[in-house]
Amino acid sequence: MSKPIGHFTSYTLGDGSLLESLQEEYGSTFEKMTKREKLFLVSAIAAQLCEQSPGKCRDEIYTVGHQINSSLPQADRQGLIEALTNQIQGGRSLFDTELPPME
């Protein structure tokens, strides 16, 4: 069972925020959105957060992204979104602000 958006965000009932408006319009678990709409929002939010993050991606990461999208089944790609999201929320990465040295 999905948890409501308040479980994952700072939303509290009656706060008059955008999160409250989204919950009223689309349901507490976004059940009034299609899967495609949810994936679009994930993509839009991730792209903007990526642009705001310091540093650059290594060229190999673009290759990894292509390999993931062309080789893994949908369920595994969705699982990777969940895994990466948990890792992003869980703390710092080894190289948060700079690239690792090239070998």
N, C-alpha and C. Protein backbone atom coordinates (compact mmCIF):
# COMPACT_ATOMS: atom_id res chain seq x y z
N MET A 1 0.84 -1.18 0.00
CA MET A 1 0.00 0.00 0.00
C MET A 1 0.89 1.25 0.00
N SER A 2 0.54 2.21 -0.83
CA SER A 2 1.28 3.46 -0.91
C SER A 2 1.05 4.32 0.32
N LYS A 3 2.07 5.07 0.67
CA LYS A 3 1.95 6.00 1.79
C LYS A 3 1.60 7.38 1.24
N PRO A 4 0.90 8.20 2.03
CA PRO A 4 0.52 9.53 1.55
C PRO A 4 1.74 10.44 1.39
N ILE A 5 1.58 11.49 0.57
CA ILE A 5 2.71 12.37 0.29
C ILE A 5 3.27 13.02 1.56
N GLY A 6 2.43 13.21 2.56
CA GLY A 6 2.91 13.78 3.82
C GLY A 6 3.95 12.92 4.52
N HIS A 7 3.96 11.64 4.21
CA HIS A 7 4.97 10.74 4.79
C HIS A 7 6.36 11.06 4.24
N PHE A 8 6.42 11.56 3.02
CA PHE A 8 7.69 11.79 2.34
C PHE A 8 8.10 13.25 2.30
N THR A 9 7.18 14.16 2.64
CA THR A 9 7.44 15.59 2.49
C THR A 9 7.13 16.33 3.79
N SER A 10 7.26 17.65 3.73
CA SER A 10 6.96 18.47 4.91
C SER A 10 5.49 18.85 5.01
N TYR A 11 4.66 18.32 4.13
CA TYR A 11 3.24 18.66 4.12
C TYR A 11 2.56 18.29 5.43
N THR A 12 1.77 19.23 5.94
CA THR A 12 0.89 18.95 7.06
C THR A 12 -0.50 19.48 6.71
N LEU A 13 -1.50 18.77 7.15
CA LEU A 13 -2.89 19.10 6.85
C LEU A 13 -3.20 20.55 7.20
N GLY A 14 -3.78 21.26 6.24
CA GLY A 14 -4.21 22.63 6.48
C GLY A 14 -3.12 23.68 6.35
N ASP A 15 -1.97 23.31 5.80
CA ASP A 15 -0.88 24.29 5.72
C ASP A 15 -0.99 25.23 4.52
N GLY A 16 -1.94 24.99 3.61
CA GLY A 16 -2.15 25.88 2.49
C GLY A 16 -1.04 25.84 1.44
N SER A 17 -0.22 24.81 1.47
CA SER A 17 0.94 24.73 0.57
C SER A 17 0.57 24.12 -0.78
N LEU A 18 1.54 24.18 -1.70
CA LEU A 18 1.38 23.50 -2.98
C LEU A 18 1.16 22.00 -2.75
N LEU A 19 1.85 21.43 -1.78
CA LEU A 19 1.67 20.00 -1.49
C LEU A 19 0.23 19.70 -1.09
N GLU A 20 -0.38 20.59 -0.31
CA GLU A 20 -1.78 20.40 0.05
C GLU A 20 -2.67 20.47 -1.19
N SER A 21 -2.39 21.43 -2.05
CA SER A 21 -3.17 21.57 -3.28
C SER A 21 -3.03 20.33 -4.16
N LEU A 22 -1.81 19.81 -4.28
CA LEU A 22 -1.59 18.59 -5.06
C LEU A 22 -2.36 17.42 -4.48
N GLN A 23 -2.34 17.30 -3.16
CA GLN A 23 -3.05 16.19 -2.51
C GLN A 23 -4.55 16.32 -2.73
N GLU A 24 -5.08 17.53 -2.63
CA GLU A 24 -6.51 17.72 -2.85
C GLU A 24 -6.91 17.40 -4.29
N GLU A 25 -6.05 17.78 -5.24
CA GLU A 25 -6.36 17.58 -6.66
C GLU A 25 -6.15 16.13 -7.11
N TYR A 26 -5.08 15.49 -6.62
CA TYR A 26 -4.69 14.18 -7.17
C TYR A 26 -4.74 13.04 -6.17
N GLY A 27 -5.13 13.31 -4.94
CA GLY A 27 -5.22 12.28 -3.93
C GLY A 27 -3.95 12.19 -3.10
N SER A 28 -4.08 11.64 -1.92
CA SER A 28 -2.95 11.60 -0.99
C SER A 28 -1.82 10.70 -1.44
N THR A 29 -2.11 9.79 -2.36
CA THR A 29 -1.07 8.92 -2.92
C THR A 29 -0.96 9.12 -4.44
N PHE A 30 -1.45 10.26 -4.92
CA PHE A 30 -1.48 10.59 -6.34
C PHE A 30 -2.22 9.53 -7.16
N GLU A 31 -3.21 8.92 -6.54
CA GLU A 31 -3.98 7.87 -7.22
C GLU A 31 -4.81 8.41 -8.39
N LYS A 32 -4.98 9.73 -8.48
CA LYS A 32 -5.73 10.31 -9.59
C LYS A 32 -4.81 10.72 -10.74
N MET A 33 -3.57 10.27 -10.72
CA MET A 33 -2.62 10.49 -11.81
C MET A 33 -2.37 9.16 -12.49
N THR A 34 -2.07 9.23 -13.78
CA THR A 34 -1.67 8.02 -14.49
C THR A 34 -0.20 7.72 -14.16
N LYS A 35 0.20 6.51 -14.45
CA LYS A 35 1.60 6.13 -14.26
C LYS A 35 2.51 7.03 -15.09
N ARG A 36 2.10 7.31 -16.31
CA ARG A 36 2.89 8.19 -17.19
C ARG A 36 3.06 9.58 -16.58
N GLU A 37 2.00 10.12 -16.02
CA GLU A 37 2.07 11.43 -15.38
C GLU A 37 3.02 11.43 -14.19
N LYS A 38 2.97 10.38 -13.40
CA LYS A 38 3.89 10.26 -12.26
C LYS A 38 5.33 10.18 -12.73
N LEU A 39 5.58 9.37 -13.77
CA LEU A 39 6.94 9.26 -14.30
C LEU A 39 7.41 10.59 -14.89
N PHE A 40 6.51 11.33 -15.53
CA PHE A 40 6.88 12.64 -16.04
C PHE A 40 7.33 13.54 -14.90
N LEU A 41 6.58 13.55 -13.81
CA LEU A 41 6.95 14.40 -12.66
C LEU A 41 8.28 13.96 -12.06
N VAL A 42 8.51 12.66 -11.96
CA VAL A 42 9.81 12.17 -11.48
C VAL A 42 10.92 12.70 -12.38
N SER A 43 10.73 12.61 -13.67
CA SER A 43 11.73 13.08 -14.64
C SER A 43 11.96 14.58 -14.52
N ALA A 44 10.89 15.36 -14.44
CA ALA A 44 11.01 16.82 -14.36
C ALA A 44 11.72 17.25 -13.07
N ILE A 45 11.34 16.64 -11.96
CA ILE A 45 11.96 16.98 -10.68
C ILE A 45 13.42 16.57 -10.67
N ALA A 46 13.70 15.37 -11.15
CA ALA A 46 15.08 14.87 -11.16
C ALA A 46 15.97 15.74 -12.05
N ALA A 47 15.47 16.14 -13.21
CA ALA A 47 16.26 16.98 -14.12
C ALA A 47 16.61 18.30 -13.46
N GLN A 48 15.66 18.91 -12.77
CA GLN A 48 15.91 20.19 -12.12
C GLN A 48 16.87 20.03 -10.94
N LEU A 49 16.70 18.99 -10.15
CA LEU A 49 17.62 18.74 -9.02
C LEU A 49 19.03 18.44 -9.52
N CYS A 50 19.14 17.73 -10.63
CA CYS A 50 20.44 17.44 -11.23
C CYS A 50 21.13 18.74 -11.64
N GLU A 51 20.40 19.63 -12.28
CA GLU A 51 20.97 20.91 -12.71
C GLU A 51 21.47 21.72 -11.53
N GLN A 52 20.81 21.62 -10.38
CA GLN A 52 21.19 22.39 -9.20
C GLN A 52 22.32 21.73 -8.40
N SER A 53 22.60 20.47 -8.67
CA SER A 53 23.64 19.77 -7.92
C SER A 53 25.02 20.18 -8.40
N PRO A 54 25.96 20.32 -7.48
CA PRO A 54 27.32 20.71 -7.88
C PRO A 54 28.04 19.59 -8.62
N GLY A 55 29.03 19.96 -9.38
CA GLY A 55 29.85 18.97 -10.07
C GLY A 55 29.29 18.60 -11.43
N LYS A 56 29.93 17.62 -12.01
CA LYS A 56 29.55 17.13 -13.34
C LYS A 56 29.46 15.62 -13.31
N CYS A 57 28.75 15.06 -14.27
CA CYS A 57 28.68 13.61 -14.43
C CYS A 57 29.87 13.14 -15.25
N ARG A 58 30.43 12.02 -14.87
CA ARG A 58 31.46 11.39 -15.69
C ARG A 58 30.82 10.90 -16.98
N ASP A 59 31.58 10.90 -18.06
CA ASP A 59 31.05 10.44 -19.35
C ASP A 59 30.49 9.03 -19.26
N GLU A 60 31.10 8.18 -18.46
CA GLU A 60 30.64 6.79 -18.36
C GLU A 60 29.23 6.68 -17.80
N ILE A 61 28.81 7.67 -17.01
CA ILE A 61 27.47 7.62 -16.42
C ILE A 61 26.40 7.78 -17.50
N TYR A 62 26.69 8.57 -18.53
CA TYR A 62 25.75 8.68 -19.66
C TYR A 62 25.62 7.33 -20.36
N THR A 63 26.73 6.62 -20.48
CA THR A 63 26.72 5.28 -21.09
C THR A 63 25.92 4.32 -20.22
N VAL A 64 26.13 4.39 -18.91
CA VAL A 64 25.38 3.53 -17.97
C VAL A 64 23.89 3.80 -18.10
N GLY A 65 23.50 5.07 -18.18
CA GLY A 65 22.08 5.41 -18.34
C GLY A 65 21.50 4.80 -19.60
N HIS A 66 22.25 4.88 -20.69
CA HIS A 66 21.78 4.28 -21.94
C HIS A 66 21.67 2.76 -21.81
N GLN A 67 22.66 2.14 -21.16
CA GLN A 67 22.62 0.68 -20.98
C GLN A 67 21.42 0.27 -20.14
N ILE A 68 21.15 1.02 -19.09
CA ILE A 68 20.01 0.71 -18.23
C ILE A 68 18.72 0.79 -19.03
N ASN A 69 18.54 1.89 -19.78
CA ASN A 69 17.30 2.08 -20.53
C ASN A 69 17.13 1.11 -21.69
N SER A 70 18.24 0.63 -22.25
CA SER A 70 18.12 -0.26 -23.40
C SER A 70 18.17 -1.74 -23.04
N SER A 71 18.63 -2.07 -21.83
CA SER A 71 18.85 -3.48 -21.50
C SER A 71 18.00 -4.03 -20.36
N LEU A 72 17.59 -3.19 -19.44
CA LEU A 72 16.87 -3.69 -18.27
C LEU A 72 15.36 -3.67 -18.49
N PRO A 73 14.66 -4.65 -17.94
CA PRO A 73 13.20 -4.63 -18.02
C PRO A 73 12.63 -3.48 -17.18
N GLN A 74 11.41 -3.11 -17.49
CA GLN A 74 10.76 -1.98 -16.83
C GLN A 74 10.76 -2.13 -15.31
N ALA A 75 10.47 -3.29 -14.79
CA ALA A 75 10.41 -3.48 -13.34
C ALA A 75 11.77 -3.19 -12.69
N ASP A 76 12.86 -3.58 -13.34
CA ASP A 76 14.18 -3.31 -12.79
C ASP A 76 14.53 -1.82 -12.87
N ARG A 77 14.11 -1.16 -13.94
CA ARG A 77 14.34 0.29 -14.05
C ARG A 77 13.58 1.04 -12.97
N GLN A 78 12.35 0.63 -12.71
CA GLN A 78 11.57 1.25 -11.64
C GLN A 78 12.22 0.97 -10.29
N GLY A 79 12.73 -0.24 -10.11
CA GLY A 79 13.44 -0.58 -8.88
C GLY A 79 14.69 0.27 -8.69
N LEU A 80 15.39 0.54 -9.79
CA LEU A 80 16.58 1.40 -9.70
C LEU A 80 16.20 2.83 -9.32
N ILE A 81 15.06 3.33 -9.81
CA ILE A 81 14.61 4.66 -9.38
C ILE A 81 14.42 4.67 -7.87
N GLU A 82 13.78 3.65 -7.35
CA GLU A 82 13.56 3.58 -5.90
C GLU A 82 14.88 3.46 -5.14
N ALA A 83 15.78 2.60 -5.62
CA ALA A 83 17.07 2.42 -4.96
C ALA A 83 17.88 3.72 -4.96
N LEU A 84 17.95 4.38 -6.11
CA LEU A 84 18.72 5.62 -6.20
C LEU A 84 18.11 6.71 -5.34
N THR A 85 16.79 6.80 -5.33
CA THR A 85 16.11 7.79 -4.49
C THR A 85 16.45 7.56 -3.02
N ASN A 86 16.39 6.33 -2.59
CA ASN A 86 16.74 6.02 -1.19
C ASN A 86 18.19 6.38 -0.89
N GLN A 87 19.09 6.12 -1.83
CA GLN A 87 20.50 6.44 -1.62
C GLN A 87 20.74 7.95 -1.62
N ILE A 88 20.03 8.68 -2.45
CA ILE A 88 20.14 10.14 -2.46
C ILE A 88 19.68 10.72 -1.13
N GLN A 89 18.57 10.21 -0.62
CA GLN A 89 18.02 10.70 0.65
C GLN A 89 18.84 10.24 1.84
N GLY A 90 19.53 9.12 1.70
CA GLY A 90 20.22 8.52 2.83
C GLY A 90 21.50 9.19 3.25
N GLY A 91 22.03 10.08 2.47
CA GLY A 91 23.26 10.74 2.88
C GLY A 91 24.14 11.08 1.70
N ARG A 92 25.35 11.42 2.04
CA ARG A 92 26.31 11.86 1.05
C ARG A 92 26.82 10.70 0.21
N SER A 93 27.19 11.04 -1.00
CA SER A 93 27.87 10.10 -1.88
C SER A 93 29.35 10.29 -1.69
N LEU A 94 30.12 9.35 -2.18
CA LEU A 94 31.56 9.42 -2.05
C LEU A 94 32.12 10.70 -2.64
N PHE A 95 31.62 11.09 -3.78
CA PHE A 95 32.11 12.29 -4.47
C PHE A 95 30.94 13.23 -4.72
N ASP A 96 30.54 13.99 -3.72
CA ASP A 96 29.38 14.86 -3.89
C ASP A 96 29.67 16.12 -4.69
N THR A 97 30.87 16.65 -4.59
CA THR A 97 31.10 17.93 -5.23
C THR A 97 32.20 17.89 -6.28
N GLU A 98 32.89 16.79 -6.42
CA GLU A 98 33.91 16.73 -7.45
C GLU A 98 34.00 15.33 -8.02
N LEU A 99 34.58 15.23 -9.18
CA LEU A 99 34.74 13.95 -9.84
C LEU A 99 35.88 13.16 -9.20
N PRO A 100 35.78 11.85 -9.23
CA PRO A 100 36.91 11.04 -8.75
C PRO A 100 38.09 11.21 -9.71
N PRO A 101 39.30 11.00 -9.23
CA PRO A 101 40.44 11.11 -10.13
C PRO A 101 40.34 10.09 -11.26
N MET A 102 40.75 10.50 -12.44
CA MET A 102 40.77 9.59 -13.59
C MET A 102 41.96 8.65 -13.48
N GLU A 103 41.73 7.41 -13.85
CA GLU A 103 42.82 6.43 -13.78
C GLU A 103 43.61 6.40 -15.06
